[in-house]
PDB file of N, CA and C in Angstrom:
ATOM      1  N   UNK A   1      -7.817   4.211 -13.146  1.00  0.00           N
ATOM      2  CA  UNK A   1      -8.071   4.998 -11.955  1.00  0.00           C
ATOM      3  C   UNK A   1      -8.097   4.080 -10.730  1.00  0.00           C
ATOM      4  N   UNK A   2      -7.507   4.541  -9.668  1.00  0.00           N
ATOM      5  CA  UNK A   2      -7.478   3.785  -8.412  1.00  0.00           C
ATOM      6  C   UNK A   2      -8.709   4.144  -7.591  1.00  0.00           C
ATOM      7  N   UNK A   3      -9.394   3.128  -7.084  1.00  0.00           N
ATOM      8  CA  UNK A   3     -10.633   3.316  -6.323  1.00  0.00           C
ATOM      9  C   UNK A   3     -10.510   2.694  -4.937  1.00  0.00           C
ATOM     10  N   UNK A   4     -11.476   3.038  -4.067  1.00  0.00           N
ATOM     11  CA  UNK A   4     -11.523   2.414  -2.743  1.00  0.00           C
ATOM     12  C   UNK A   4     -11.631   0.900  -2.888  1.00  0.00           C
ATOM     13  N   UNK A   5     -10.922   0.193  -2.021  1.00  0.00           N
ATOM     14  CA  UNK A   5     -10.831  -1.260  -1.931  1.00  0.00           C
ATOM     15  C   UNK A   5      -9.934  -1.890  -2.988  1.00  0.00           C
ATOM     16  N   UNK A   6      -9.309  -1.084  -3.851  1.00  0.00           N
ATOM     17  CA  UNK A   6      -8.326  -1.632  -4.784  1.00  0.00           C
ATOM     18  C   UNK A   6      -7.077  -2.062  -4.021  1.00  0.00           C
ATOM     19  N   UNK A   7      -6.445  -3.101  -4.513  1.00  0.00           N
ATOM     20  CA  UNK A   7      -5.153  -3.525  -3.990  1.00  0.00           C
ATOM     21  C   UNK A   7      -4.079  -2.766  -4.761  1.00  0.00           C
ATOM     22  N   UNK A   8      -3.159  -2.148  -4.016  1.00  0.00           N
ATOM     23  CA  UNK A   8      -2.103  -1.351  -4.642  1.00  0.00           C
ATOM     24  C   UNK A   8      -0.734  -1.884  -4.237  1.00  0.00           C
ATOM     25  N   UNK A   9       0.281  -1.389  -4.927  1.00  0.00           N
ATOM     26  CA  UNK A   9       1.670  -1.728  -4.654  1.00  0.00           C
ATOM     27  C   UNK A   9       2.420  -0.428  -4.396  1.00  0.00           C
ATOM     28  N   UNK A  10       3.207  -0.395  -3.328  1.00  0.00           N
ATOM     29  CA  UNK A  10       4.044   0.773  -3.053  1.00  0.00           C
ATOM     30  C   UNK A  10       5.113   0.919  -4.128  1.00  0.00           C
ATOM     31  N   UNK A  11       5.381   2.159  -4.531  1.00  0.00           N
ATOM     32  CA  UNK A  11       6.455   2.419  -5.490  1.00  0.00           C
ATOM     33  C   UNK A  11       7.643   3.099  -4.811  1.00  0.00           C
ATOM     34  N   UNK A  12       7.562   3.272  -3.497  1.00  0.00           N
ATOM     35  CA  UNK A  12       8.645   3.906  -2.737  1.00  0.00           C
ATOM     36  C   UNK A  12       8.724   3.263  -1.355  1.00  0.00           C
ATOM     37  N   UNK A  13       9.918   3.228  -0.787  1.00  0.00           N
ATOM     38  CA  UNK A  13      10.080   2.752   0.587  1.00  0.00           C
ATOM     39  C   UNK A  13       9.474   3.758   1.562  1.00  0.00           C
ATOM     40  N   UNK A  14       8.872   3.246   2.644  1.00  0.00           N
ATOM     41  CA  UNK A  14       8.369   4.079   3.743  1.00  0.00           C
ATOM     42  C   UNK A  14       8.983   3.543   5.031  1.00  0.00           C
ATOM     43  N   UNK A  15      10.276   3.822   5.271  1.00  0.00           N
ATOM     44  CA  UNK A  15      10.970   3.230   6.416  1.00  0.00           C
ATOM     45  C   UNK A  15      10.368   3.609   7.766  1.00  0.00           C
ATOM     46  N   UNK A  16       9.732   4.759   7.845  1.00  0.00           N
ATOM     47  CA  UNK A  16       9.112   5.164   9.110  1.00  0.00           C
ATOM     48  C   UNK A  16       7.944   4.269   9.501  1.00  0.00           C
ATOM     49  N   UNK A  17       7.440   3.483   8.541  1.00  0.00           N
ATOM     50  CA  UNK A  17       6.351   2.535   8.796  1.00  0.00           C
ATOM     51  C   UNK A  17       6.809   1.087   8.627  1.00  0.00           C
ATOM     52  N   UNK A  18       8.094   0.884   8.330  1.00  0.00           N
ATOM     53  CA  UNK A  18       8.608  -0.458   8.102  1.00  0.00           C
ATOM     54  C   UNK A  18       8.165  -1.043   6.775  1.00  0.00           C
ATOM     55  N   UNK A  19       7.724  -0.195   5.854  1.00  0.00           N
ATOM     56  CA  UNK A  19       7.213  -0.652   4.566  1.00  0.00           C
ATOM     57  C   UNK A  19       8.246  -0.433   3.472  1.00  0.00           C
ATOM     58  N   UNK A  20       8.220  -1.329   2.477  1.00  0.00           N
ATOM     59  CA  UNK A  20       9.177  -1.263   1.375  1.00  0.00           C
ATOM     60  C   UNK A  20       8.458  -1.202   0.031  1.00  0.00           C
ATOM     61  N   UNK A  21       9.164  -0.646  -0.926  1.00  0.00           N
ATOM     62  CA  UNK A  21       8.673  -0.658  -2.300  1.00  0.00           C
ATOM     63  C   UNK A  21       8.291  -2.092  -2.653  1.00  0.00           C
ATOM     64  N   UNK A  22       7.125  -2.271  -3.242  1.00  0.00           N
ATOM     65  CA  UNK A  22       6.640  -3.603  -3.603  1.00  0.00           C
ATOM     66  C   UNK A  22       5.634  -4.168  -2.619  1.00  0.00           C
ATOM     67  N   UNK A  23       5.558  -3.599  -1.396  1.00  0.00           N
ATOM     68  CA  UNK A  23       4.553  -4.064  -0.436  1.00  0.00           C
ATOM     69  C   UNK A  23       3.154  -3.719  -0.956  1.00  0.00           C
ATOM     70  N   UNK A  24       2.202  -4.567  -0.602  1.00  0.00           N
ATOM     71  CA  UNK A  24       0.834  -4.398  -1.073  1.00  0.00           C
ATOM     72  C   UNK A  24      -0.073  -3.896   0.046  1.00  0.00           C
ATOM     73  N   UNK A  25      -1.034  -3.063  -0.320  1.00  0.00           N
ATOM     74  CA  UNK A  25      -2.001  -2.538   0.632  1.00  0.00           C
ATOM     75  C   UNK A  25      -3.361  -2.395  -0.032  1.00  0.00           C
ATOM     76  N   UNK A  26      -4.342  -1.963   0.768  1.00  0.00           N
ATOM     77  CA  UNK A  26      -5.701  -1.764   0.277  1.00  0.00           C
ATOM     78  C   UNK A  26      -6.097  -0.308   0.453  1.00  0.00           C
ATOM     79  N   UNK A  27      -6.593   0.308  -0.601  1.00  0.00           N
ATOM     80  CA  UNK A  27      -7.052   1.691  -0.546  1.00  0.00           C
ATOM     81  C   UNK A  27      -8.339   1.740   0.272  1.00  0.00           C
ATOM     82  N   UNK A  28      -8.348   2.552   1.327  1.00  0.00           N
ATOM     83  CA  UNK A  28      -9.547   2.687   2.157  1.00  0.00           C
ATOM     84  C   UNK A  28     -10.235   4.031   1.963  1.00  0.00           C
ATOM     85  N   UNK A  29      -9.545   5.002   1.333  1.00  0.00           N
ATOM     86  CA  UNK A  29     -10.144   6.310   1.068  1.00  0.00           C
ATOM     87  C   UNK A  29      -9.377   6.970  -0.069  1.00  0.00           C
ATOM     88  N   UNK A  30     -10.136   7.554  -1.010  1.00  0.00           N
ATOM     89  CA  UNK A  30      -9.537   8.319  -2.105  1.00  0.00           C
ATOM     90  C   UNK A  30      -9.778   9.793  -1.830  1.00  0.00           C
ATOM     91  N   UNK A  31      -8.727  10.599  -1.875  1.00  0.00           N
ATOM     92  CA  UNK A  31      -8.835  12.047  -1.681  1.00  0.00           C
ATOM     93  C   UNK A  31      -9.035  12.729  -3.030  1.00  0.00           C
ATOM     94  N   UNK A  32     -10.062  13.550  -3.115  1.00  0.00           N
ATOM     95  CA  UNK A  32     -10.324  14.310  -4.336  1.00  0.00           C
ATOM     96  C   UNK A  32     -10.510  13.412  -5.532  1.00  0.00           C
ATOM     97  N   UNK A  33      -9.869  13.785  -6.616  1.00  0.00           N
ATOM     98  CA  UNK A  33      -9.937  13.020  -7.868  1.00  0.00           C
ATOM     99  C   UNK A  33      -8.722  12.114  -8.029  1.00  0.00           C
ATOM    100  N   UNK A  34      -8.191  11.618  -6.897  1.00  0.00           N
ATOM    101  CA  UNK A  34      -7.045  10.732  -6.940  1.00  0.00           C
ATOM    102  C   UNK A  34      -5.730  11.431  -6.635  1.00  0.00           C
ATOM    103  N   UNK A  35      -5.814  12.611  -6.011  1.00  0.00           N
ATOM    104  CA  UNK A  35      -4.592  13.327  -5.632  1.00  0.00           C
ATOM    105  C   UNK A  35      -3.855  12.617  -4.500  1.00  0.00           C
ATOM    106  N   UNK A  36      -4.593  11.876  -3.689  1.00  0.00           N
ATOM    107  CA  UNK A  36      -4.000  11.156  -2.577  1.00  0.00           C
ATOM    108  C   UNK A  36      -4.889  10.011  -2.140  1.00  0.00           C
ATOM    109  N   UNK A  37      -4.309   9.141  -1.299  1.00  0.00           N
ATOM    110  CA  UNK A  37      -5.010   7.924  -0.885  1.00  0.00           C
ATOM    111  C   UNK A  37      -4.655   7.575   0.551  1.00  0.00           C
ATOM    112  N   UNK A  38      -5.615   7.036   1.274  1.00  0.00           N
ATOM    113  CA  UNK A  38      -5.360   6.402   2.570  1.00  0.00           C
ATOM    114  C   UNK A  38      -5.284   4.910   2.273  1.00  0.00           C
ATOM    115  N   UNK A  39      -4.189   4.295   2.681  1.00  0.00           N
ATOM    116  CA  UNK A  39      -3.959   2.888   2.357  1.00  0.00           C
ATOM    117  C   UNK A  39      -3.672   2.111   3.633  1.00  0.00           C
ATOM    118  N   UNK A  40      -4.344   0.979   3.784  1.00  0.00           N
ATOM    119  CA  UNK A  40      -4.120   0.091   4.930  1.00  0.00           C
ATOM    120  C   UNK A  40      -3.202  -1.043   4.500  1.00  0.00           C
ATOM    121  N   UNK A  41      -2.175  -1.282   5.310  1.00  0.00           N
ATOM    122  CA  UNK A  41      -1.256  -2.389   5.092  1.00  0.00           C
ATOM    123  C   UNK A  41      -1.471  -3.383   6.214  1.00  0.00           C
ATOM    124  N   UNK A  42      -1.661  -4.648   5.856  1.00  0.00           N
ATOM    125  CA  UNK A  42      -1.936  -5.686   6.853  1.00  0.00           C
ATOM    126  C   UNK A  42      -0.932  -6.831   6.720  1.00  0.00           C
ATOM    127  N   UNK A  43      -0.722  -7.507   7.848  1.00  0.00           N
ATOM    128  CA  UNK A  43       0.058  -8.739   7.845  1.00  0.00           C
ATOM    129  C   UNK A  43      -0.809  -9.849   7.244  1.00  0.00           C
ATOM    130  N   UNK A  44      -0.209 -10.951   6.890  1.00  0.00           N
ATOM    131  CA  UNK A  44      -0.964 -12.051   6.289  1.00  0.00           C
ATOM    132  C   UNK A  44      -2.006 -12.634   7.230  1.00  0.00           C
ATOM    133  N   UNK A  45      -1.832 -12.422   8.550  1.00  0.00           N
ATOM    134  CA  UNK A  45      -2.828 -12.912   9.506  1.00  0.00           C
ATOM    135  C   UNK A  45      -3.963 -11.916   9.729  1.00  0.00           C
ATOM    136  N   UNK A  46      -3.956 -10.786   9.008  1.00  0.00           N
ATOM    137  CA  UNK A  46      -5.028  -9.807   9.094  1.00  0.00           C
ATOM    138  C   UNK A  46      -4.755  -8.635  10.013  1.00  0.00           C
ATOM    139  N   UNK A  47      -3.661  -8.671  10.766  1.00  0.00           N
ATOM    140  CA  UNK A  47      -3.327  -7.571  11.677  1.00  0.00           C
ATOM    141  C   UNK A  47      -2.977  -6.316  10.873  1.00  0.00           C
ATOM    142  N   UNK A  48      -3.604  -5.186  11.224  1.00  0.00           N
ATOM    143  CA  UNK A  48      -3.260  -3.924  10.577  1.00  0.00           C
ATOM    144  C   UNK A  48      -1.893  -3.477  11.050  1.00  0.00           C
ATOM    145  N   UNK A  49      -0.995  -3.230  10.102  1.00  0.00           N
ATOM    146  CA  UNK A  49       0.356  -2.788  10.413  1.00  0.00           C
ATOM    147  C   UNK A  49       0.487  -1.275  10.319  1.00  0.00           C
ATOM    148  N   UNK A  50      -0.214  -0.666   9.366  1.00  0.00           N
ATOM    149  CA  UNK A  50      -0.146   0.782   9.181  1.00  0.00           C
ATOM    150  C   UNK A  50      -1.299   1.230   8.308  1.00  0.00           C
ATOM    151  N   UNK A  51      -1.764   2.441   8.563  1.00  0.00           N
ATOM    152  CA  UNK A  51      -2.677   3.139   7.666  1.00  0.00           C
ATOM    153  C   UNK A  51      -1.945   4.429   7.319  1.00  0.00           C
ATOM    154  N   UNK A  52      -1.661   4.613   6.031  1.00  0.00           N
ATOM    155  CA  UNK A  52      -0.754   5.659   5.588  1.00  0.00           C
ATOM    156  C   UNK A  52      -1.409   6.521   4.517  1.00  0.00           C
ATOM    157  N   UNK A  53      -1.175   7.828   4.586  1.00  0.00           N
ATOM    158  CA  UNK A  53      -1.580   8.748   3.519  1.00  0.00           C
ATOM    159  C   UNK A  53      -0.498   8.755   2.457  1.00  0.00           C
ATOM    160  N   UNK A  54      -0.888   8.498   1.212  1.00  0.00           N
ATOM    161  CA  UNK A  54       0.072   8.427   0.116  1.00  0.00           C
ATOM    162  C   UNK A  54      -0.348   9.329  -1.032  1.00  0.00           C
ATOM    163  N   UNK A  55       0.656   9.881  -1.699  1.00  0.00           N
ATOM    164  CA  UNK A  55       0.407  10.611  -2.928  1.00  0.00           C
ATOM    165  C   UNK A  55       0.309   9.654  -4.092  1.00  0.00           C
ATOM    166  N   UNK A  56      -0.248  10.124  -5.195  1.00  0.00           N
ATOM    167  CA  UNK A  56      -0.463   9.272  -6.362  1.00  0.00           C
ATOM    168  C   UNK A  56       0.833   8.667  -6.889  1.00  0.00           C
ATOM    169  N   UNK A  57       1.954   9.351  -6.740  1.00  0.00           N
ATOM    170  CA  UNK A  57       3.237   8.852  -7.249  1.00  0.00           C
ATOM    171  C   UNK A  57       3.849   7.758  -6.375  1.00  0.00           C
ATOM    172  N   UNK A  58       3.270   7.516  -5.196  1.00  0.00           N
ATOM    173  CA  UNK A  58       3.832   6.532  -4.268  1.00  0.00           C
ATOM    174  C   UNK A  58       3.192   5.155  -4.382  1.00  0.00           C
ATOM    175  N   UNK A  59       2.256   4.981  -5.303  1.00  0.00           N
ATOM    176  CA  UNK A  59       1.571   3.707  -5.426  1.00  0.00           C
ATOM    177  C   UNK A  59       1.137   3.469  -6.857  1.00  0.00           C
ATOM    178  N   UNK A  60       0.805   2.217  -7.118  1.00  0.00           N
ATOM    179  CA  UNK A  60       0.258   1.822  -8.420  1.00  0.00           C
ATOM    180  C   UNK A  60      -0.664   0.632  -8.208  1.00  0.00           C
ATOM    181  N   UNK A  61      -1.518   0.391  -9.178  1.00  0.00           N
ATOM    182  CA  UNK A  61      -2.365  -0.791  -9.125  1.00  0.00           C
ATOM    183  C   UNK A  61      -1.525  -2.045  -9.352  1.00  0.00           C
ATOM    184  N   UNK A  62      -2.006  -3.164  -8.852  1.00  0.00           N
ATOM    185  CA  UNK A  62      -1.352  -4.437  -9.154  1.00  0.00           C
ATOM    186  C   UNK A  62      -1.529  -4.726 -10.638  1.00  0.00           C
ATOM    187  N   UNK A  63      -0.624  -5.508 -11.190  1.00  0.00           N
ATOM    188  CA  UNK A  63      -0.659  -5.816 -12.622  1.00  0.00           C
ATOM    189  C   UNK A  63      -0.808  -7.319 -12.842  1.00  0.00           C
ATOM    190  N   UNK A  64      -1.335  -7.673 -13.983  1.00  0.00           N
ATOM    191  CA  UNK A  64      -1.495  -9.073 -14.373  1.00  0.00           C
ATOM    192  C   UNK A  64      -0.133  -9.764 -14.352  1.00  0.00           C
ATOM    193  N   UNK A  65      -0.089 -10.960 -13.818  1.00  0.00           N
ATOM    194  CA  UNK A  65       1.128 -11.754 -13.831  1.00  0.00           C
ATOM    195  C   UNK A  65       2.065 -11.508 -12.666  1.00  0.00           C
ATOM    196  N   UNK A  66       1.677 -10.635 -11.721  1.00  0.00           N
ATOM    197  CA  UNK A  66       2.523 -10.395 -10.553  1.00  0.00           C
ATOM    198  C   UNK A  66       2.235 -11.440  -9.482  1.00  0.00           C
ATOM    199  N   UNK A  67       3.220 -11.689  -8.633  1.00  0.00           N
ATOM    200  CA  UNK A  67       3.079 -12.645  -7.548  1.00  0.00           C
ATOM    201  C   UNK A  67       3.454 -11.955  -6.238  1.00  0.00           C
ATOM    202  N   UNK A  68       2.734 -12.278  -5.178  1.00  0.00           N
ATOM    203  CA  UNK A  68       3.018 -11.698  -3.857  1.00  0.00           C
ATOM    204  C   UNK A  68       4.237 -12.381  -3.244  1.00  0.00           C
ATOM    205  N   UNK A  69       4.895 -11.674  -2.345  1.00  0.00           N
ATOM    206  CA  UNK A  69       6.090 -12.177  -1.676  1.00  0.00           C
ATOM    207  C   UNK A  69       5.955 -11.888  -0.183  1.00  0.00           C
ATOM    208  N   UNK A  70       6.147 -12.867   0.664  1.00  0.00           N
ATOM    209  CA  UNK A  70       6.036 -12.675   2.115  1.00  0.00           C
ATOM    210  C   UNK A  70       7.406 -12.318   2.694  1.00  0.00           C
ATOM    211  N   UNK A  71       7.406 -11.410   3.686  1.00  0.00           N
ATOM    212  CA  UNK A  71       8.623 -11.030   4.400  1.00  0.00           C
ATOM    213  C   UNK A  71       8.236 -10.579   5.800  1.00  0.00           C
ATOM    214  N   UNK A  72       9.172 -10.595   6.706  1.00  0.00           N
ATOM    215  CA  UNK A  72       8.927 -10.103   8.066  1.00  0.00           C
ATOM    216  C   UNK A  72       8.975  -8.583   8.053  1.00  0.00           C
ATOM    217  N   UNK A  73       8.112  -7.962   8.848  1.00  0.00           N
ATOM    218  CA  UNK A  73       8.066  -6.503   8.953  1.00  0.00           C
ATOM    219  C   UNK A  73       9.277  -6.012   9.718  1.00  0.00           C
ATOM    220  N   UNK A  74       9.917  -4.983   9.181  1.00  0.00           N
ATOM    221  CA  UNK A  74      11.014  -4.314   9.871  1.00  0.00           C
ATOM    222  C   UNK A  74      10.483  -2.986  10.369  1.00  0.00           C
ATOM    223  N   UNK A  75      10.513  -2.774  11.668  1.00  0.00           N
ATOM    224  CA  UNK A  75      10.011  -1.528  12.230  1.00  0.00           C
ATOM    225  C   UNK A  75      11.120  -0.503  12.309  1.00  0.00           C
ATOM    226  N   UNK A  76      10.702   0.768  12.303  1.00  0.00           N
ATOM    227  CA  UNK A  76      11.672   1.869  12.352  1.00  0.00           C
ATOM    228  C   UNK A  76      12.344   1.950  13.699  1.00  0.00           C
TER     229      UNK A  76
END
């Protein structure tokens, strides 16, 4: 189960926010029993890039053995 403050990974591109599948964010609010989530995406320097409402199918928890990847943000 995904909870508040969990680190998640996008499973779909969100071009309107400049976000791509594989980008990582932090859950800041869980809607209902996990039907949806508010997720904050930040740059490595801590700047908030987007706070997005996502459905359960658009994200997943991070998994053991994964590594983060840095990239420049592409805006819409």
